[in-house]
Amino acid sequence: MVKKDIIQKFTIDYEVDSKPKVRATVKIEPDYKKIKSTLKNLREIEEITDIWRLSGDCGLFILVEIPSIEKFNPLIEGKISRIDGIKIIETCFITDVIK
């Protein structure tokens, strides 16, 4: 149809997310008796982009991406802290990505 000049132009419809996302790290001390269900529940949270299980007493380390800082407390209080098997949560915001 392009060769026969039936289709002469194409339109690309896309959406650009102009606002950068807020990123934060969250260190979690889990109850290791419930680690499988804790990890399963964490995997289901859309805002969590990465989950690492660390050696020793370090527990779990997760990376979250949220559209704004206002969405952070609802994420921690409404989703992550309600998961059975999470004992302690420590959070840090990423202020600058170096590499």
PDB file of N, CA and C in Angstrom:
ATOM      1  N   MET A   1       0.823  -1.193   0.000  1.00  0.00           N
ATOM      2  CA  MET A   1       0.000   0.000   0.000  1.00  0.00           C
ATOM      3  C   MET A   1       0.874   1.266   0.000  1.00  0.00           C
ATOM      4  N   VAL A   2       2.021   1.182   0.605  1.00  0.00           N
ATOM      5  CA  VAL A   2       2.935   2.322   0.575  1.00  0.00           C
ATOM      6  C   VAL A   2       3.470   2.509  -0.838  1.00  0.00           C
ATOM      7  N   LYS A   3       3.858   1.409  -1.477  1.00  0.00           N
ATOM      8  CA  LYS A   3       4.413   1.489  -2.832  1.00  0.00           C
ATOM      9  C   LYS A   3       3.390   2.014  -3.831  1.00  0.00           C
ATOM     10  N   LYS A   4       2.106   1.736  -3.582  1.00  0.00           N
ATOM     11  CA  LYS A   4       1.054   2.190  -4.496  1.00  0.00           C
ATOM     12  C   LYS A   4       0.496   3.559  -4.093  1.00  0.00           C
ATOM     13  N   ASP A   5       1.141   4.215  -3.145  1.00  0.00           N
ATOM     14  CA  ASP A   5       0.738   5.541  -2.658  1.00  0.00           C
ATOM     15  C   ASP A   5      -0.656   5.570  -2.045  1.00  0.00           C
ATOM     16  N   ILE A   6      -1.118   4.421  -1.581  1.00  0.00           N
ATOM     17  CA  ILE A   6      -2.383   4.404  -0.845  1.00  0.00           C
ATOM     18  C   ILE A   6      -2.137   4.939   0.569  1.00  0.00           C
ATOM     19  N   ILE A   7      -1.039   4.500   1.162  1.00  0.00           N
ATOM     20  CA  ILE A   7      -0.603   5.038   2.455  1.00  0.00           C
ATOM     21  C   ILE A   7       0.533   6.001   2.169  1.00  0.00           C
ATOM     22  N   GLN A   8       0.344   7.265   2.548  1.00  0.00           N
ATOM     23  CA  GLN A   8       1.356   8.275   2.265  1.00  0.00           C
ATOM     24  C   GLN A   8       2.060   8.779   3.521  1.00  0.00           C
ATOM     25  N   LYS A   9       1.414   8.691   4.663  1.00  0.00           N
ATOM     26  CA  LYS A   9       2.004   9.180   5.907  1.00  0.00           C
ATOM     27  C   LYS A   9       1.697   8.205   7.041  1.00  0.00           C
ATOM     28  N   PHE A  10       2.555   8.263   8.042  1.00  0.00           N
ATOM     29  CA  PHE A  10       2.363   7.466   9.246  1.00  0.00           C
ATOM     30  C   PHE A  10       2.279   8.409  10.440  1.00  0.00           C
ATOM     31  N   THR A  11       1.475   8.052  11.398  1.00  0.00           N
ATOM     32  CA  THR A  11       1.378   8.819  12.636  1.00  0.00           C
ATOM     33  C   THR A  11       1.815   7.923  13.788  1.00  0.00           C
ATOM     34  N   ILE A  12       2.719   8.443  14.585  1.00  0.00           N
ATOM     35  CA  ILE A  12       3.170   7.708  15.767  1.00  0.00           C
ATOM     36  C   ILE A  12       2.523   8.362  16.977  1.00  0.00           C
ATOM     37  N   ASP A  13       1.789   7.582  17.728  1.00  0.00           N
ATOM     38  CA  ASP A  13       1.116   8.074  18.924  1.00  0.00           C
ATOM     39  C   ASP A  13       1.833   7.498  20.138  1.00  0.00           C
ATOM     40  N   TYR A  14       2.462   8.359  20.898  1.00  0.00           N
ATOM     41  CA  TYR A  14       3.191   7.880  22.073  1.00  0.00           C
ATOM     42  C   TYR A  14       3.056   8.905  23.183  1.00  0.00           C
ATOM     43  N   GLU A  15       3.352   8.451  24.383  1.00  0.00           N
ATOM     44  CA  GLU A  15       3.258   9.315  25.549  1.00  0.00           C
ATOM     45  C   GLU A  15       4.628   9.398  26.198  1.00  0.00           C
ATOM     46  N   VAL A  16       5.078  10.600  26.455  1.00  0.00           N
ATOM     47  CA  VAL A  16       6.375  10.793  27.084  1.00  0.00           C
ATOM     48  C   VAL A  16       6.144  11.157  28.540  1.00  0.00           C
ATOM     49  N   ASP A  17       6.772  10.404  29.428  1.00  0.00           N
ATOM     50  CA  ASP A  17       6.690  10.703  30.852  1.00  0.00           C
ATOM     51  C   ASP A  17       7.725  11.779  31.155  1.00  0.00           C
ATOM     52  N   SER A  18       7.266  13.006  31.301  1.00  0.00           N
ATOM     53  CA  SER A  18       8.201  14.115  31.455  1.00  0.00           C
ATOM     54  C   SER A  18       8.733  14.261  32.876  1.00  0.00           C
ATOM     55  N   LYS A  19       8.026  13.724  33.841  1.00  0.00           N
ATOM     56  CA  LYS A  19       8.489  13.842  35.220  1.00  0.00           C
ATOM     57  C   LYS A  19       9.401  12.674  35.567  1.00  0.00           C
ATOM     58  N   PRO A  20      10.573  12.969  36.106  1.00  0.00           N
ATOM     59  CA  PRO A  20      11.435  11.864  36.542  1.00  0.00           C
ATOM     60  C   PRO A  20      10.837  11.204  37.775  1.00  0.00           C
ATOM     61  N   LYS A  21      11.075   9.933  37.898  1.00  0.00           N
ATOM     62  CA  LYS A  21      10.556   9.195  39.043  1.00  0.00           C
ATOM     63  C   LYS A  21      11.459   9.400  40.249  1.00  0.00           C
ATOM     64  N   VAL A  22      10.855   9.304  41.422  1.00  0.00           N
ATOM     65  CA  VAL A  22      11.602   9.360  42.673  1.00  0.00           C
ATOM     66  C   VAL A  22      12.053   7.943  42.982  1.00  0.00           C
ATOM     67  N   ARG A  23      13.336   7.795  43.288  1.00  0.00           N
ATOM     68  CA  ARG A  23      13.872   6.466  43.586  1.00  0.00           C
ATOM     69  C   ARG A  23      14.369   6.439  45.022  1.00  0.00           C
ATOM     70  N   ALA A  24      14.175   5.309  45.667  1.00  0.00           N
ATOM     71  CA  ALA A  24      14.642   5.142  47.042  1.00  0.00           C
ATOM     72  C   ALA A  24      15.074   3.701  47.253  1.00  0.00           C
ATOM     73  N   THR A  25      15.968   3.533  48.213  1.00  0.00           N
ATOM     74  CA  THR A  25      16.355   2.187  48.619  1.00  0.00           C
ATOM     75  C   THR A  25      15.695   1.898  49.955  1.00  0.00           C
ATOM     76  N   VAL A  26      15.373   0.646  50.154  1.00  0.00           N
ATOM     77  CA  VAL A  26      14.742   0.222  51.398  1.00  0.00           C
ATOM     78  C   VAL A  26      15.468  -1.025  51.877  1.00  0.00           C
ATOM     79  N   LYS A  27      15.970  -0.964  53.102  1.00  0.00           N
ATOM     80  CA  LYS A  27      16.611  -2.125  53.723  1.00  0.00           C
ATOM     81  C   LYS A  27      15.587  -2.736  54.664  1.00  0.00           C
ATOM     82  N   ILE A  28      15.405  -4.029  54.526  1.00  0.00           N
ATOM     83  CA  ILE A  28      14.392  -4.735  55.305  1.00  0.00           C
ATOM     84  C   ILE A  28      15.048  -5.834  56.114  1.00  0.00           C
ATOM     85  N   GLU A  29      14.695  -5.884  57.388  1.00  0.00           N
ATOM     86  CA  GLU A  29      15.102  -7.021  58.211  1.00  0.00           C
ATOM     87  C   GLU A  29      13.906  -7.967  58.269  1.00  0.00           C
ATOM     88  N   PRO A  30      14.014  -9.103  57.598  1.00  0.00           N
ATOM     89  CA  PRO A  30      12.880 -10.024  57.555  1.00  0.00           C
ATOM     90  C   PRO A  30      12.917 -11.041  58.693  1.00  0.00           C
ATOM     91  N   ASP A  31      11.776 -11.653  58.931  1.00  0.00           N
ATOM     92  CA  ASP A  31      11.703 -12.822  59.800  1.00  0.00           C
ATOM     93  C   ASP A  31      11.997 -14.006  58.876  1.00  0.00           C
ATOM     94  N   TYR A  32      13.151 -14.626  59.052  1.00  0.00           N
ATOM     95  CA  TYR A  32      13.569 -15.672  58.111  1.00  0.00           C
ATOM     96  C   TYR A  32      12.681 -16.906  58.147  1.00  0.00           C
ATOM     97  N   LYS A  33      11.848 -17.035  59.157  1.00  0.00           N
ATOM     98  CA  LYS A  33      10.885 -18.144  59.186  1.00  0.00           C
ATOM     99  C   LYS A  33       9.789 -17.927  58.140  1.00  0.00           C
ATOM    100  N   LYS A  34       9.623 -16.677  57.721  1.00  0.00           N
ATOM    101  CA  LYS A  34       8.564 -16.333  56.768  1.00  0.00           C
ATOM    102  C   LYS A  34       9.129 -15.745  55.477  1.00  0.00           C
ATOM    103  N   ILE A  35      10.393 -16.005  55.189  1.00  0.00           N
ATOM    104  CA  ILE A  35      11.076 -15.339  54.074  1.00  0.00           C
ATOM    105  C   ILE A  35      10.439 -15.627  52.712  1.00  0.00           C
ATOM    106  N   LYS A  36       9.983 -16.859  52.477  1.00  0.00           N
ATOM    107  CA  LYS A  36       9.402 -17.185  51.164  1.00  0.00           C
ATOM    108  C   LYS A  36       8.134 -16.381  50.906  1.00  0.00           C
ATOM    109  N   SER A  37       7.253 -16.314  51.882  1.00  0.00           N
ATOM    110  CA  SER A  37       6.015 -15.549  51.682  1.00  0.00           C
ATOM    111  C   SER A  37       6.295 -14.046  51.641  1.00  0.00           C
ATOM    112  N   THR A  38       7.284 -13.595  52.415  1.00  0.00           N
ATOM    113  CA  THR A  38       7.665 -12.180  52.389  1.00  0.00           C
ATOM    114  C   THR A  38       8.156 -11.790  50.999  1.00  0.00           C
ATOM    115  N   LEU A  39       9.045 -12.592  50.425  1.00  0.00           N
ATOM    116  CA  LEU A  39       9.562 -12.311  49.082  1.00  0.00           C
ATOM    117  C   LEU A  39       8.456 -12.364  48.035  1.00  0.00           C
ATOM    118  N   LYS A  40       7.555 -13.310  48.168  1.00  0.00           N
ATOM    119  CA  LYS A  40       6.431 -13.420  47.228  1.00  0.00           C
ATOM    120  C   LYS A  40       5.595 -12.142  47.261  1.00  0.00           C
ATOM    121  N   ASN A  41       5.300 -11.662  48.460  1.00  0.00           N
ATOM    122  CA  ASN A  41       4.496 -10.446  48.593  1.00  0.00           C
ATOM    123  C   ASN A  41       5.236  -9.205  48.097  1.00  0.00           C
ATOM    124  N   LEU A  42       6.526  -9.123  48.339  1.00  0.00           N
ATOM    125  CA  LEU A  42       7.309  -7.988  47.843  1.00  0.00           C
ATOM    126  C   LEU A  42       7.340  -7.969  46.319  1.00  0.00           C
ATOM    127  N   ARG A  43       7.459  -9.147  45.694  1.00  0.00           N
ATOM    128  CA  ARG A  43       7.494  -9.234  44.227  1.00  0.00           C
ATOM    129  C   ARG A  43       6.217  -8.691  43.592  1.00  0.00           C
ATOM    130  N   GLU A  44       5.113  -8.750  44.326  1.00  0.00           N
ATOM    131  CA  GLU A  44       3.819  -8.329  43.786  1.00  0.00           C
ATOM    132  C   GLU A  44       3.605  -6.817  43.837  1.00  0.00           C
ATOM    133  N   ILE A  45       4.486  -6.089  44.514  1.00  0.00           N
ATOM    134  CA  ILE A  45       4.334  -4.637  44.624  1.00  0.00           C
ATOM    135  C   ILE A  45       4.952  -3.981  43.389  1.00  0.00           C
ATOM    136  N   GLU A  46       4.128  -3.301  42.637  1.00  0.00           N
ATOM    137  CA  GLU A  46       4.532  -2.723  41.345  1.00  0.00           C
ATOM    138  C   GLU A  46       5.678  -1.718  41.468  1.00  0.00           C
ATOM    139  N   GLU A  47       5.700  -0.941  42.529  1.00  0.00           N
ATOM    140  CA  GLU A  47       6.710   0.110  42.686  1.00  0.00           C
ATOM    141  C   GLU A  47       8.106  -0.430  42.986  1.00  0.00           C
ATOM    142  N   ILE A  48       8.192  -1.684  43.396  1.00  0.00           N
ATOM    143  CA  ILE A  48       9.492  -2.298  43.681  1.00  0.00           C
ATOM    144  C   ILE A  48      10.089  -2.786  42.368  1.00  0.00           C
ATOM    145  N   THR A  49      11.262  -2.240  42.011  1.00  0.00           N
ATOM    146  CA  THR A  49      11.892  -2.607  40.743  1.00  0.00           C
ATOM    147  C   THR A  49      12.957  -3.683  40.911  1.00  0.00           C
ATOM    148  N   ASP A  50      13.587  -3.740  42.075  1.00  0.00           N
ATOM    149  CA  ASP A  50      14.656  -4.710  42.320  1.00  0.00           C
ATOM    150  C   ASP A  50      14.598  -5.185  43.768  1.00  0.00           C
ATOM    151  N   ILE A  51      14.929  -6.455  43.966  1.00  0.00           N
ATOM    152  CA  ILE A  51      15.025  -7.029  45.314  1.00  0.00           C
ATOM    153  C   ILE A  51      16.317  -7.819  45.380  1.00  0.00           C
ATOM    154  N   TRP A  52      17.122  -7.538  46.408  1.00  0.00           N
ATOM    155  CA  TRP A  52      18.357  -8.287  46.628  1.00  0.00           C
ATOM    156  C   TRP A  52      18.323  -8.912  48.012  1.00  0.00           C
ATOM    157  N   ARG A  53      18.750 -10.147  48.096  1.00  0.00           N
ATOM    158  CA  ARG A  53      18.932 -10.804  49.388  1.00  0.00           C
ATOM    159  C   ARG A  53      20.423 -10.723  49.693  1.00  0.00           C
ATOM    160  N   LEU A  54      20.777 -10.118  50.823  1.00  0.00           N
ATOM    161  CA  LEU A  54      22.165  -9.864  51.167  1.00  0.00           C
ATOM    162  C   LEU A  54      22.678 -10.882  52.173  1.00  0.00           C
ATOM    163  N   SER A  55      23.994 -11.002  52.248  1.00  0.00           N
ATOM    164  CA  SER A  55      24.598 -11.980  53.155  1.00  0.00           C
ATOM    165  C   SER A  55      24.615 -11.453  54.589  1.00  0.00           C
ATOM    166  N   GLY A  56      24.846 -12.359  55.512  1.00  0.00           N
ATOM    167  CA  GLY A  56      24.974 -11.984  56.920  1.00  0.00           C
ATOM    168  C   GLY A  56      23.684 -11.426  57.491  1.00  0.00           C
ATOM    169  N   ASP A  57      23.828 -10.425  58.340  1.00  0.00           N
ATOM    170  CA  ASP A  57      22.676  -9.812  59.000  1.00  0.00           C
ATOM    171  C   ASP A  57      22.066  -8.669  58.194  1.00  0.00           C
ATOM    172  N   CYS A  58      22.432  -8.556  56.942  1.00  0.00           N
ATOM    173  CA  CYS A  58      21.984  -7.414  56.128  1.00  0.00           C
ATOM    174  C   CYS A  58      20.541  -7.537  55.652  1.00  0.00           C
ATOM    175  N   GLY A  59      19.995  -8.715  55.587  1.00  0.00           N
ATOM    176  CA  GLY A  59      18.603  -8.886  55.201  1.00  0.00           C
ATOM    177  C   GLY A  59      18.346  -8.682  53.728  1.00  0.00           C
ATOM    178  N   LEU A  60      17.306  -7.901  53.423  1.00  0.00           N
ATOM    179  CA  LEU A  60      16.885  -7.635  52.052  1.00  0.00           C
ATOM    180  C   LEU A  60      17.115  -6.167  51.725  1.00  0.00           C
ATOM    181  N   PHE A  61      17.425  -5.904  50.474  1.00  0.00           N
ATOM    182  CA  PHE A  61      17.643  -4.544  49.996  1.00  0.00           C
ATOM    183  C   PHE A  61      16.786  -4.392  48.756  1.00  0.00           C
ATOM    184  N   ILE A  62      15.896  -3.409  48.737  1.00  0.00           N
ATOM    185  CA  ILE A  62      15.024  -3.234  47.579  1.00  0.00           C
ATOM    186  C   ILE A  62      15.151  -1.814  47.028  1.00  0.00           C
ATOM    187  N   LEU A  63      14.868  -1.692  45.749  1.00  0.00           N
ATOM    188  CA  LEU A  63      14.845  -0.401  45.073  1.00  0.00           C
ATOM    189  C   LEU A  63      13.407  -0.134  44.663  1.00  0.00           C
ATOM    190  N   VAL A  64      12.915   1.067  44.976  1.00  0.00           N
ATOM    191  CA  VAL A  64      11.553   1.427  44.598  1.00  0.00           C
ATOM    192  C   VAL A  64      11.583   2.663  43.709  1.00  0.00           C
ATOM    193  N   GLU A  65      10.619   2.745  42.804  1.00  0.00           N
ATOM    194  CA  GLU A  65      10.425   3.920  41.951  1.00  0.00           C
ATOM    195  C   GLU A  65       8.984   4.356  42.097  1.00  0.00           C
ATOM    196  N   ILE A  66       8.808   5.631  42.441  1.00  0.00           N
ATOM    197  CA  ILE A  66       7.471   6.179  42.622  1.00  0.00           C
ATOM    198  C   ILE A  66       7.361   7.486  41.839  1.00  0.00           C
ATOM    199  N   PRO A  67       6.149   7.870  41.435  1.00  0.00           N
ATOM    200  CA  PRO A  67       6.001   9.071  40.621  1.00  0.00           C
ATOM    201  C   PRO A  67       6.299  10.371  41.370  1.00  0.00           C
ATOM    202  N   SER A  68       6.112  10.377  42.696  1.00  0.00           N
ATOM    203  CA  SER A  68       6.372  11.592  43.472  1.00  0.00           C
ATOM    204  C   SER A  68       6.683  11.218  44.917  1.00  0.00           C
ATOM    205  N   ILE A  69       7.291  12.138  45.638  1.00  0.00           N
ATOM    206  CA  ILE A  69       7.652  11.911  47.032  1.00  0.00           C
ATOM    207  C   ILE A  69       6.405  11.677  47.891  1.00  0.00           C
ATOM    208  N   GLU A  70       5.296  12.268  47.482  1.00  0.00           N
ATOM    209  CA  GLU A  70       4.050  12.104  48.232  1.00  0.00           C
ATOM    210  C   GLU A  70       3.548  10.665  48.219  1.00  0.00           C
ATOM    211  N   LYS A  71       3.985   9.890  47.259  1.00  0.00           N
ATOM    212  CA  LYS A  71       3.555   8.487  47.155  1.00  0.00           C
ATOM    213  C   LYS A  71       4.412   7.553  48.010  1.00  0.00           C
ATOM    214  N   PHE A  72       5.471   8.084  48.631  1.00  0.00           N
ATOM    215  CA  PHE A  72       6.403   7.224  49.362  1.00  0.00           C
ATOM    216  C   PHE A  72       5.810   6.667  50.660  1.00  0.00           C
ATOM    217  N   ASN A  73       5.268   7.538  51.511  1.00  0.00           N
ATOM    218  CA  ASN A  73       4.700   7.045  52.768  1.00  0.00           C
ATOM    219  C   ASN A  73       3.556   6.060  52.550  1.00  0.00           C
ATOM    220  N   PRO A  74       2.629   6.331  51.622  1.00  0.00           N
ATOM    221  CA  PRO A  74       1.597   5.318  51.371  1.00  0.00           C
ATOM    222  C   PRO A  74       2.173   3.971  50.920  1.00  0.00           C
ATOM    223  N   LEU A  75       3.273   4.008  50.168  1.00  0.00           N
ATOM    224  CA  LEU A  75       3.914   2.762  49.739  1.00  0.00           C
ATOM    225  C   LEU A  75       4.475   2.010  50.940  1.00  0.00           C
ATOM    226  N   ILE A  76       5.215   2.723  51.798  1.00  0.00           N
ATOM    227  CA  ILE A  76       5.821   2.079  52.965  1.00  0.00           C
ATOM    228  C   ILE A  76       4.751   1.661  53.966  1.00  0.00           C
ATOM    229  N   GLU A  77       3.874   2.588  54.337  1.00  0.00           N
ATOM    230  CA  GLU A  77       2.881   2.315  55.373  1.00  0.00           C
ATOM    231  C   GLU A  77       1.731   1.437  54.887  1.00  0.00           C
ATOM    232  N   GLY A  78       1.323   1.631  53.652  1.00  0.00           N
ATOM    233  CA  GLY A  78       0.154   0.920  53.152  1.00  0.00           C
ATOM    234  C   GLY A  78       0.428  -0.412  52.492  1.00  0.00           C
ATOM    235  N   LYS A  79       1.657  -0.622  52.043  1.00  0.00           N
ATOM    236  CA  LYS A  79       1.958  -1.873  51.343  1.00  0.00           C
ATOM    237  C   LYS A  79       3.093  -2.652  52.006  1.00  0.00           C
ATOM    238  N   ILE A  80       4.290  -2.068  52.033  1.00  0.00           N
ATOM    239  CA  ILE A  80       5.471  -2.824  52.462  1.00  0.00           C
ATOM    240  C   ILE A  80       5.400  -3.204  53.938  1.00  0.00           C
ATOM    241  N   SER A  81       5.072  -2.249  54.815  1.00  0.00           N
ATOM    242  CA  SER A  81       5.079  -2.547  56.251  1.00  0.00           C
ATOM    243  C   SER A  81       3.961  -3.492  56.676  1.00  0.00           C
ATOM    244  N   ARG A  82       2.966  -3.680  55.845  1.00  0.00           N
ATOM    245  CA  ARG A  82       1.853  -4.584  56.172  1.00  0.00           C
ATOM    246  C   ARG A  82       2.146  -6.047  55.839  1.00  0.00           C
ATOM    247  N   ILE A  83       3.263  -6.284  55.191  1.00  0.00           N
ATOM    248  CA  ILE A  83       3.613  -7.654  54.824  1.00  0.00           C
ATOM    249  C   ILE A  83       4.058  -8.412  56.067  1.00  0.00           C
ATOM    250  N   ASP A  84       3.434  -9.546  56.301  1.00  0.00           N
ATOM    251  CA  ASP A  84       3.799 -10.401  57.425  1.00  0.00           C
ATOM    252  C   ASP A  84       5.210 -10.937  57.199  1.00  0.00           C
ATOM    253  N   GLY A  85       6.057 -10.793  58.203  1.00  0.00           N
ATOM    254  CA  GLY A  85       7.420 -11.283  58.087  1.00  0.00           C
ATOM    255  C   GLY A  85       8.453 -10.177  57.973  1.00  0.00           C
ATOM    256  N   ILE A  86       8.001  -8.921  57.939  1.00  0.00           N
ATOM    257  CA  ILE A  86       8.934  -7.797  57.906  1.00  0.00           C
ATOM    258  C   ILE A  86       9.031  -7.223  59.309  1.00  0.00           C
ATOM    259  N   LYS A  87      10.268  -7.206  59.840  1.00  0.00           N
ATOM    260  CA  LYS A  87      10.471  -6.729  61.207  1.00  0.00           C
ATOM    261  C   LYS A  87      10.902  -5.266  61.254  1.00  0.00           C
ATOM    262  N   ILE A  88      11.897  -4.878  60.476  1.00  0.00           N
ATOM    263  CA  ILE A  88      12.437  -3.517  60.507  1.00  0.00           C
ATOM    264  C   ILE A  88      12.608  -3.007  59.078  1.00  0.00           C
ATOM    265  N   ILE A  89      12.267  -1.734  58.866  1.00  0.00           N
ATOM    266  CA  ILE A  89      12.423  -1.089  57.559  1.00  0.00           C
ATOM    267  C   ILE A  89      13.269   0.170  57.734  1.00  0.00           C
ATOM    268  N   GLU A  90      14.302   0.312  56.899  1.00  0.00           N
ATOM    269  CA  GLU A  90      15.116   1.534  56.856  1.00  0.00           C
ATOM    270  C   GLU A  90      15.083   2.052  55.428  1.00  0.00           C
ATOM    271  N   THR A  91      14.844   3.346  55.257  1.00  0.00           N
ATOM    272  CA  THR A  91      14.724   3.909  53.913  1.00  0.00           C
ATOM    273  C   THR A  91      15.748   5.010  53.654  1.00  0.00           C
ATOM    274  N   CYS A  92      16.145   5.140  52.396  1.00  0.00           N
ATOM    275  CA  CYS A  92      17.051   6.210  51.951  1.00  0.00           C
ATOM    276  C   CYS A  92      16.632   6.634  50.548  1.00  0.00           C
ATOM    277  N   PHE A  93      16.530   7.947  50.330  1.00  0.00           N
ATOM    278  CA  PHE A  93      16.225   8.449  48.999  1.00  0.00           C
ATOM    279  C   PHE A  93      17.500   8.598  48.192  1.00  0.00           C
ATOM    280  N   ILE A  94      17.407   8.304  46.917  1.00  0.00           N
ATOM    281  CA  ILE A  94      18.535   8.488  46.009  1.00  0.00           C
ATOM    282  C   ILE A  94      18.500   9.941  45.545  1.00  0.00           C
ATOM    283  N   THR A  95      19.545  10.696  45.861  1.00  0.00           N
ATOM    284  CA  THR A  95      19.580  12.114  45.501  1.00  0.00           C
ATOM    285  C   THR A  95      20.353  12.378  44.218  1.00  0.00           C
ATOM    286  N   ASP A  96      21.287  11.470  43.877  1.00  0.00           N
ATOM    287  CA  ASP A  96      22.092  11.664  42.677  1.00  0.00           C
ATOM    288  C   ASP A  96      22.635  10.318  42.225  1.00  0.00           C
ATOM    289  N   VAL A  97      22.529  10.028  40.951  1.00  0.00           N
ATOM    290  CA  VAL A  97      23.085   8.800  40.392  1.00  0.00           C
ATOM    291  C   VAL A  97      24.443   9.154  39.798  1.00  0.00           C
ATOM    292  N   ILE A  98      25.495   8.541  40.308  1.00  0.00           N
ATOM    293  CA  ILE A  98      26.854   8.836  39.868  1.00  0.00           C
ATOM    294  C   ILE A  98      27.253   7.970  38.676  1.00  0.00           C
ATOM    295  N   LYS A  99      26.909   6.705  38.733  1.00  0.00           N
ATOM    296  CA  LYS A  99      27.248   5.787  37.641  1.00  0.00           C
ATOM    297  C   LYS A  99      26.165   4.753  37.478  1.00  0.00           C
TER     298      LYS A  99
END
